[in-house]
Amino acid sequence: MSLEITREEFSDADRTRFAARLEESLDALALLLARPDFGTGPATLGAELELSLVDACGRPLPVNRAVLANALDPRVALEIDRFNLEINARPVRFAGRAFGALAAELSDALAAVTRAVAPLGGRPIAIGILPTLTAGDLRPGMLTDSHRYRALSNALRRLRHEPFRIRIDGADPLDVLCDDVTFEGANTSLQIHLRVEPTVFAATFNAAQIATAPVLAAAGNSPLFLGHRLWTETRVALFRQAVDERIATAEEDWHPGRVSFGHGWVRRGAHELFAESVALHRPLLPLVASEEPLALVRDGGTPALDELRLHHGTVWPWNRAVYDPTNGGHLRIELRALPAGPSAIDMTANAAFLIGLTLALSAEGDRLVNALTFGQCRRNFYEAARRGLDADLLWPSPHPPSPRLVPAARLIAEVLPLAQDALGRAGIEQEESTALLNVVAARVRERRTGAFWQLETLAMLERHAPREAALRELVVRYLELAASGWPVHEWPLDA
C-alpha cells in the first residue's frame, strides 16, 4: 500500500471520488507504459519475509510494536496481527551472487529482529503457519493497532455482514468461523520481487504462473493450523477464505475472491492486470491523494499513482504486478506463493528455483500458453498446495497426449537444469546457482520438505504427549534446527 492510512471510515462520496481517480490512474499508466524508455534498466531482486514472534514455549507472542520500537530498523514493519512482523529487504542487482546478497540482507534484518525481541522473552520464527496457534490467538483483539489494519478490517466486514468461514479438507478437516481478518495473520510468506522491463512483462508473468506449481510442491512448509493436519501449503486455502468479503448466501454476487491465482493469461502487459483489479474488486480503502496523475504524465512526469497502488495492494493474486514510481518508474513481478522458512538456505534455494524456472519458461512463453490452458495451470497450483511432492501436475509433452500428468517430484528433477541454465544466462554465477538448486534437488530426492518434517515430527512426538504439548515441542525443535543453518532435508527426525 502506497498511501499512509490515517482514517478508518469512509463515505459514499469518498468511494465515488476514489473510483474516478482509479480510472484516471489507469489512463495515466497506459500513457506511461507507452514511453519507449519507461522501466528500462538493470534487473533487480528484492524480497519481503513475514515472521511470527514466539515465546520460550513456542507460543505466539503479541509484542510486534515493542519489537519494532526496539529494532529501529527501516527494513522492519508491522504486519496484520500483533505477533507478526515483516522484513523488507533492500533490492540487489540481479547478477553475480544476487541470491547470496539477498540472503545476507534478510539475515541481517532478521538478526536485528532477534536482538529486539530477546528482552521481551521471544524469538522470531520463519514458518508458513505457526503450529501452536489457537483460535483464541486469532481473536479480533489480536489485530495490530494501526489505522491501516483497522480500516482494512472495517471495510471487509462492511461488505460481508457475517463471520468469515474457514473450511479446509485434510487428515483432520477444519470448519471454523472467525469474526475478523486476524486469521489471515496466521499466514507468513517469502515474497520475491523481480524487476521486469515492460516489453517482456507478459511473457515473464505467464511463465511465473506456470513455474509456481512445481516450485511450491518442492517448498511446502504449512501443513498445520489450529492443531489440524491439512494441506501441504494450508496458507493457500486459508488466505483465500480469511479475507473473502463475498457473502456465501448472496447468489447474485459475481465478484471473484480477492485472493486468487488469477483469471487468465496476460496477453499484452501489466496494464491489463491493474485494470482487472479495478474492474473486479470493490475499493476497500478509498483514500484520494492530491496528485493529478493524468496531468502529470502528460507533462512528462512520473506519477505516484497512489490510489491505484493502494487499491491493487488490497487484491492478493499469488503472483502480482507491481508499479514503482521511484527513479522514473519501473515494473516488478511479485511472486507471493512461497512460504516463510524453514531455514535461510531453503528460502534462498526456493527463490533461485522460482526465478530460474520463470526465466527459463519465459523464453517459450507463446508455445506454453498454447500448450497449457490457464485452467490447467491454476489446477496445478492448487494441487501443489494441497499435496506437495505427492501431487500430479499437468505439463506439456512433445508427444500426445499433451499436457499429461507428471508426478511433481519427477517434473521438478526434469526442470531444475532448465532453471540453472536460465540463471546462468541472466548473469548469476554458476557456483551460486548450482549450490542452491542442489538443495532443492536433495530435498526432493529425500522427499523431506518442511511440511513433511513437521508432520513426521508431530507423529513421533504424539507417541509420548498430547497434541498441544507435541506442537509446542515441534516449534522449539524447529527454531533450533532453523538456527543451525542446515537445509530442512538434513534435519533429524527423532522422538
Foldseek 3Di string as FASTA:
>chain_A
DQDAQDAQDDDPVLQVVLLVLLVLLLVLVVLLLPPPPFADDFKKKWKKWKKFKAAPLLHGDQQQVQLCVQLVDPQKADDFFSRMIMGTFDIDGLFAARLVVRLVRVVVSQVSSQVSCVVVRIHIAFFFFRQLDAVVCQAPVRTDPGSVNSNLFVLLCVLAVAWFWAWFDDPFTDTDTGRTLSLLVRGIFMKMKMFDFFQLAQLLLLLLLLLQLLLLLLAQGDQHDNLDGGFSQCSLRRNQRSRFSHYPPPPPQPADTLEAQDDFGDDRGQSVQLVVLSVRDRARRSDDDPDSSNVQVVVVHQDQSVSSQNSQVSRHYQKHWDWGPPPNIGIIIMRRRHGTDLASLSVSLSVLSSSLSSQLSSVVRVVQCVQAPVVLSRVSNVQSRGYRQQGWHFDADPDPPHRDTDRSLVVLVVCLVSSLVSSVVSNYDSVSSVVSPVLSNLCSVLVFHNSNLLVLQQVQQCVPDPNSSSSSVSSSLSVVVNVVRDRRSPRDRDD
